[in-house]
């Protein structure tokens, strides 16, 4: 029998995935999937290790990444399986080119259409299809006050110090 704890566990996987991508925490990304999971992620379609390498390459020039997960709908299809749809809004900002104060900011609207399974007492992604609605870019100038705490795309981000 599925419970509200199962819903929370699934939503936590979705949120942990977003944080892991934004912080380039490759072990964290891997932990959201079962080892035999398949991800259809736009230009990439295949197993999790390949997805991680794809993210590593695509995000090499991205200096700021934010994934916002919302509208999570969970339909349990059995004791250990669920069909899950969630909306995702992504902001991906390219590092500035040498000598430029402008950067390219991509805004991506998409949905994750996932099959989750519970194995060994843990919910994880067994299959994911990313369904894209829009990909747009614009030129931006980051005016963040240098005295403020800046987010980091690695284990030095303040979230890992707590």
C-alpha atoms as a PDB file:
ATOM      1  CA  UNK A   1       0.000   0.000   0.000  1.00  0.00           C
ATOM      2  CA  UNK A   2       1.381   3.397  -0.988  1.00  0.00           C
ATOM      3  CA  UNK A   3       1.347   6.231   1.530  1.00  0.00           C
ATOM      4  CA  UNK A   4       1.935   9.949   1.708  1.00  0.00           C
ATOM      5  CA  UNK A   5       5.514   9.024   2.690  1.00  0.00           C
ATOM      6  CA  UNK A   6       5.898   7.452  -0.772  1.00  0.00           C
ATOM      7  CA  UNK A   7       4.775  10.705  -2.396  1.00  0.00           C
ATOM      8  CA  UNK A   8       7.254  12.693  -0.333  1.00  0.00           C
ATOM      9  CA  UNK A   9      10.046  10.235  -1.182  1.00  0.00           C
ATOM     10  CA  UNK A  10       9.359  10.600  -4.915  1.00  0.00           C
ATOM     11  CA  UNK A  11       9.214  14.394  -4.709  1.00  0.00           C
ATOM     12  CA  UNK A  12      12.509  14.373  -2.777  1.00  0.00           C
ATOM     13  CA  UNK A  13      14.163  12.436  -5.608  1.00  0.00           C
ATOM     14  CA  UNK A  14      12.955  15.065  -8.094  1.00  0.00           C
ATOM     15  CA  UNK A  15      14.272  17.918  -5.952  1.00  0.00           C
ATOM     16  CA  UNK A  16      17.563  16.165  -5.225  1.00  0.00           C
ATOM     17  CA  UNK A  17      18.046  15.597  -8.951  1.00  0.00           C
ATOM     18  CA  UNK A  18      17.573  19.339  -9.597  1.00  0.00           C
ATOM     19  CA  UNK A  19      20.071  20.255  -6.895  1.00  0.00           C
ATOM     20  CA  UNK A  20      22.577  17.659  -8.081  1.00  0.00           C
ATOM     21  CA  UNK A  21      22.504  18.987 -11.659  1.00  0.00           C
ATOM     22  CA  UNK A  22      22.752  22.586 -10.478  1.00  0.00           C
ATOM     23  CA  UNK A  23      25.732  21.789  -8.225  1.00  0.00           C
ATOM     24  CA  UNK A  24      27.324  19.348 -10.734  1.00  0.00           C
ATOM     25  CA  UNK A  25      27.095  16.611  -8.106  1.00  0.00           C
ATOM     26  CA  UNK A  26      27.450  13.596 -10.409  1.00  0.00           C
ATOM     27  CA  UNK A  27      27.112  11.053  -7.601  1.00  0.00           C
ATOM     28  CA  UNK A  28      23.938  12.839  -6.532  1.00  0.00           C
ATOM     29  CA  UNK A  29      22.539  12.602 -10.068  1.00  0.00           C
ATOM     30  CA  UNK A  30      23.404   8.892 -10.232  1.00  0.00           C
ATOM     31  CA  UNK A  31      21.695   8.294  -6.874  1.00  0.00           C
ATOM     32  CA  UNK A  32      18.357   9.515  -8.283  1.00  0.00           C
ATOM     33  CA  UNK A  33      18.277   6.699 -10.866  1.00  0.00           C
ATOM     34  CA  UNK A  34      18.410   2.931 -10.763  1.00  0.00           C
ATOM     35  CA  UNK A  35      21.567   1.626 -12.473  1.00  0.00           C
ATOM     36  CA  UNK A  36      19.512   0.145 -15.343  1.00  0.00           C
ATOM     37  CA  UNK A  37      17.422   3.307 -15.897  1.00  0.00           C
ATOM     38  CA  UNK A  38      17.123   4.933 -19.323  1.00  0.00           C
ATOM     39  CA  UNK A  39      16.900   8.698 -19.845  1.00  0.00           C
ATOM     40  CA  UNK A  40      15.677  10.374 -23.040  1.00  0.00           C
ATOM     41  CA  UNK A  41      17.027  13.866 -22.459  1.00  0.00           C
ATOM     42  CA  UNK A  42      16.791  15.823 -25.707  1.00  0.00           C
ATOM     43  CA  UNK A  43      20.088  15.193 -27.477  1.00  0.00           C
ATOM     44  CA  UNK A  44      20.916  12.238 -25.246  1.00  0.00           C
ATOM     45  CA  UNK A  45      19.106   8.889 -24.991  1.00  0.00           C
ATOM     46  CA  UNK A  46      20.580   6.053 -22.977  1.00  0.00           C
ATOM     47  CA  UNK A  47      21.759   4.822 -19.573  1.00  0.00           C
ATOM     48  CA  UNK A  48      22.569   6.948 -16.543  1.00  0.00           C
ATOM     49  CA  UNK A  49      26.359   6.880 -16.869  1.00  0.00           C
ATOM     50  CA  UNK A  50      26.028   8.301 -20.375  1.00  0.00           C
ATOM     51  CA  UNK A  51      23.597  10.944 -19.120  1.00  0.00           C
ATOM     52  CA  UNK A  52      26.113  12.034 -16.501  1.00  0.00           C
ATOM     53  CA  UNK A  53      28.844  12.331 -19.129  1.00  0.00           C
ATOM     54  CA  UNK A  54      26.434  14.286 -21.365  1.00  0.00           C
ATOM     55  CA  UNK A  55      25.664  16.688 -18.496  1.00  0.00           C
ATOM     56  CA  UNK A  56      29.391  16.998 -17.730  1.00  0.00           C
ATOM     57  CA  UNK A  57      30.055  18.073 -21.337  1.00  0.00           C
ATOM     58  CA  UNK A  58      26.986  20.282 -21.841  1.00  0.00           C
ATOM     59  CA  UNK A  59      27.472  22.088 -18.529  1.00  0.00           C
ATOM     60  CA  UNK A  60      31.230  22.665 -18.904  1.00  0.00           C
ATOM     61  CA  UNK A  61      30.647  26.283 -19.980  1.00  0.00           C
ATOM     62  CA  UNK A  62      27.592  26.980 -17.806  1.00  0.00           C
ATOM     63  CA  UNK A  63      28.426  29.086 -14.762  1.00  0.00           C
ATOM     64  CA  UNK A  64      24.919  29.195 -13.286  1.00  0.00           C
ATOM     65  CA  UNK A  65      22.173  26.578 -13.407  1.00  0.00           C
ATOM     66  CA  UNK A  66      18.779  26.451 -11.725  1.00  0.00           C
ATOM     67  CA  UNK A  67      16.111  23.800 -12.163  1.00  0.00           C
ATOM     68  CA  UNK A  68      12.699  24.479 -10.618  1.00  0.00           C
ATOM     69  CA  UNK A  69      10.382  21.464 -10.217  1.00  0.00           C
ATOM     70  CA  UNK A  70       6.619  21.982  -9.874  1.00  0.00           C
ATOM     71  CA  UNK A  71       3.181  20.546 -10.699  1.00  0.00           C
ATOM     72  CA  UNK A  72       4.200  17.065  -9.578  1.00  0.00           C
ATOM     73  CA  UNK A  73       1.496  14.507 -10.355  1.00  0.00           C
ATOM     74  CA  UNK A  74       2.022  10.977  -9.063  1.00  0.00           C
ATOM     75  CA  UNK A  75      -0.129   8.040 -10.162  1.00  0.00           C
ATOM     76  CA  UNK A  76       0.750   4.844  -8.328  1.00  0.00           C
ATOM     77  CA  UNK A  77       0.440   1.895 -10.693  1.00  0.00           C
ATOM     78  CA  UNK A  78       1.325  -0.788  -8.156  1.00  0.00           C
ATOM     79  CA  UNK A  79       2.965  -1.354  -4.783  1.00  0.00           C
ATOM     80  CA  UNK A  80       6.369  -0.417  -6.129  1.00  0.00           C
ATOM     81  CA  UNK A  81       5.706   1.628  -9.262  1.00  0.00           C
ATOM     82  CA  UNK A  82       4.420   5.071 -10.151  1.00  0.00           C
ATOM     83  CA  UNK A  83       3.960   7.205 -13.237  1.00  0.00           C
ATOM     84  CA  UNK A  84       5.125  10.743 -12.428  1.00  0.00           C
ATOM     85  CA  UNK A  85       4.820  13.960 -14.411  1.00  0.00           C
ATOM     86  CA  UNK A  86       6.532  17.125 -13.222  1.00  0.00           C
ATOM     87  CA  UNK A  87       7.119  20.497 -14.763  1.00  0.00           C
ATOM     88  CA  UNK A  88      10.639  21.894 -14.906  1.00  0.00           C
ATOM     89  CA  UNK A  89      11.761  25.452 -15.542  1.00  0.00           C
ATOM     90  CA  UNK A  90      15.517  25.726 -16.187  1.00  0.00           C
ATOM     91  CA  UNK A  91      17.782  28.734 -16.282  1.00  0.00           C
ATOM     92  CA  UNK A  92      21.216  27.963 -17.716  1.00  0.00           C
ATOM     93  CA  UNK A  93      23.695  30.833 -18.014  1.00  0.00           C
ATOM     94  CA  UNK A  94      26.843  30.515 -20.090  1.00  0.00           C
ATOM     95  CA  UNK A  95      30.108  31.785 -18.619  1.00  0.00           C
ATOM     96  CA  UNK A  96      31.049  35.167 -20.116  1.00  0.00           C
ATOM     97  CA  UNK A  97      33.457  35.257 -23.001  1.00  0.00           C
ATOM     98  CA  UNK A  98      36.798  36.887 -22.225  1.00  0.00           C
ATOM     99  CA  UNK A  99      36.429  40.636 -21.808  1.00  0.00           C
ATOM    100  CA  UNK A 100      32.621  40.622 -22.047  1.00  0.00           C
ATOM    101  CA  UNK A 101      30.138  41.495 -19.326  1.00  0.00           C
ATOM    102  CA  UNK A 102      27.246  39.960 -21.275  1.00  0.00           C
ATOM    103  CA  UNK A 103      26.285  36.321 -21.025  1.00  0.00           C
ATOM    104  CA  UNK A 104      23.808  34.087 -22.795  1.00  0.00           C
ATOM    105  CA  UNK A 105      20.941  32.903 -20.595  1.00  0.00           C
ATOM    106  CA  UNK A 106      18.872  29.951 -21.791  1.00  0.00           C
ATOM    107  CA  UNK A 107      15.385  29.498 -20.391  1.00  0.00           C
ATOM    108  CA  UNK A 108      13.969  26.027 -20.927  1.00  0.00           C
ATOM    109  CA  UNK A 109      10.438  24.938 -20.173  1.00  0.00           C
ATOM    110  CA  UNK A 110       9.965  21.195 -20.081  1.00  0.00           C
ATOM    111  CA  UNK A 111       8.307  18.290 -18.286  1.00  0.00           C
ATOM    112  CA  UNK A 112       9.766  15.134 -16.849  1.00  0.00           C
ATOM    113  CA  UNK A 113       7.647  12.103 -17.677  1.00  0.00           C
ATOM    114  CA  UNK A 114       9.036   9.471 -15.348  1.00  0.00           C
ATOM    115  CA  UNK A 115       8.438   5.921 -14.274  1.00  0.00           C
ATOM    116  CA  UNK A 116       9.509   5.545 -10.680  1.00  0.00           C
ATOM    117  CA  UNK A 117      10.018   2.235  -8.967  1.00  0.00           C
ATOM    118  CA  UNK A 118      10.599   1.258  -5.372  1.00  0.00           C
ATOM    119  CA  UNK A 119      13.336  -1.322  -5.056  1.00  0.00           C
ATOM    120  CA  UNK A 120      15.016  -2.280  -1.817  1.00  0.00           C
ATOM    121  CA  UNK A 121      12.770   0.204  -0.035  1.00  0.00           C
ATOM    122  CA  UNK A 122      13.938   3.213  -2.121  1.00  0.00           C
ATOM    123  CA  UNK A 123      12.094   5.155  -4.793  1.00  0.00           C
ATOM    124  CA  UNK A 124      14.196   6.153  -7.811  1.00  0.00           C
ATOM    125  CA  UNK A 125      13.771   6.954 -11.486  1.00  0.00           C
ATOM    126  CA  UNK A 126      13.551   3.833 -13.677  1.00  0.00           C
ATOM    127  CA  UNK A 127      12.769   5.636 -16.952  1.00  0.00           C
ATOM    128  CA  UNK A 128      12.647   9.315 -17.916  1.00  0.00           C
ATOM    129  CA  UNK A 129      11.510  11.208 -20.998  1.00  0.00           C
ATOM    130  CA  UNK A 130      12.109  14.955 -21.039  1.00  0.00           C
ATOM    131  CA  UNK A 131       9.317  16.637 -23.024  1.00  0.00           C
ATOM    132  CA  UNK A 132      10.330  20.112 -24.199  1.00  0.00           C
ATOM    133  CA  UNK A 133       7.978  23.079 -24.548  1.00  0.00           C
ATOM    134  CA  UNK A 134      10.382  25.928 -25.232  1.00  0.00           C
ATOM    135  CA  UNK A 135      14.086  26.804 -25.419  1.00  0.00           C
ATOM    136  CA  UNK A 136      14.900  30.477 -25.676  1.00  0.00           C
ATOM    137  CA  UNK A 137      17.985  32.560 -25.113  1.00  0.00           C
ATOM    138  CA  UNK A 138      18.725  36.166 -24.310  1.00  0.00           C
ATOM    139  CA  UNK A 139      21.786  38.258 -23.536  1.00  0.00           C
ATOM    140  CA  UNK A 140      22.070  39.290 -19.885  1.00  0.00           C
ATOM    141  CA  UNK A 141      24.491  41.147 -17.631  1.00  0.00           C
ATOM    142  CA  UNK A 142      24.979  39.754 -14.124  1.00  0.00           C
ATOM    143  CA  UNK A 143      24.770  42.645 -11.676  1.00  0.00           C
ATOM    144  CA  UNK A 144      25.082  40.542  -8.508  1.00  0.00           C
ATOM    145  CA  UNK A 145      26.777  42.490  -5.726  1.00  0.00           C
ATOM    146  CA  UNK A 146      30.252  40.911  -5.325  1.00  0.00           C
ATOM    147  CA  UNK A 147      29.894  41.133  -1.514  1.00  0.00           C
ATOM    148  CA  UNK A 148      26.944  38.703  -1.542  1.00  0.00           C
ATOM    149  CA  UNK A 149      27.400  34.947  -1.214  1.00  0.00           C
ATOM    150  CA  UNK A 150      27.476  33.561  -4.745  1.00  0.00           C
ATOM    151  CA  UNK A 151      26.203  30.111  -5.578  1.00  0.00           C
ATOM    152  CA  UNK A 152      28.808  27.557  -6.639  1.00  0.00           C
ATOM    153  CA  UNK A 153      28.536  24.635  -9.022  1.00  0.00           C
ATOM    154  CA  UNK A 154      30.542  22.268  -6.859  1.00  0.00           C
ATOM    155  CA  UNK A 155      30.946  20.949  -3.315  1.00  0.00           C
ATOM    156  CA  UNK A 156      32.060  24.398  -2.077  1.00  0.00           C
ATOM    157  CA  UNK A 157      28.482  25.703  -2.351  1.00  0.00           C
ATOM    158  CA  UNK A 158      27.140  26.643   1.103  1.00  0.00           C
ATOM    159  CA  UNK A 159      24.469  23.911   0.960  1.00  0.00           C
ATOM    160  CA  UNK A 160      27.195  21.281   1.410  1.00  0.00           C
ATOM    161  CA  UNK A 161      28.637  22.964   4.497  1.00  0.00           C
ATOM    162  CA  UNK A 162      25.570  22.331   6.657  1.00  0.00           C
END
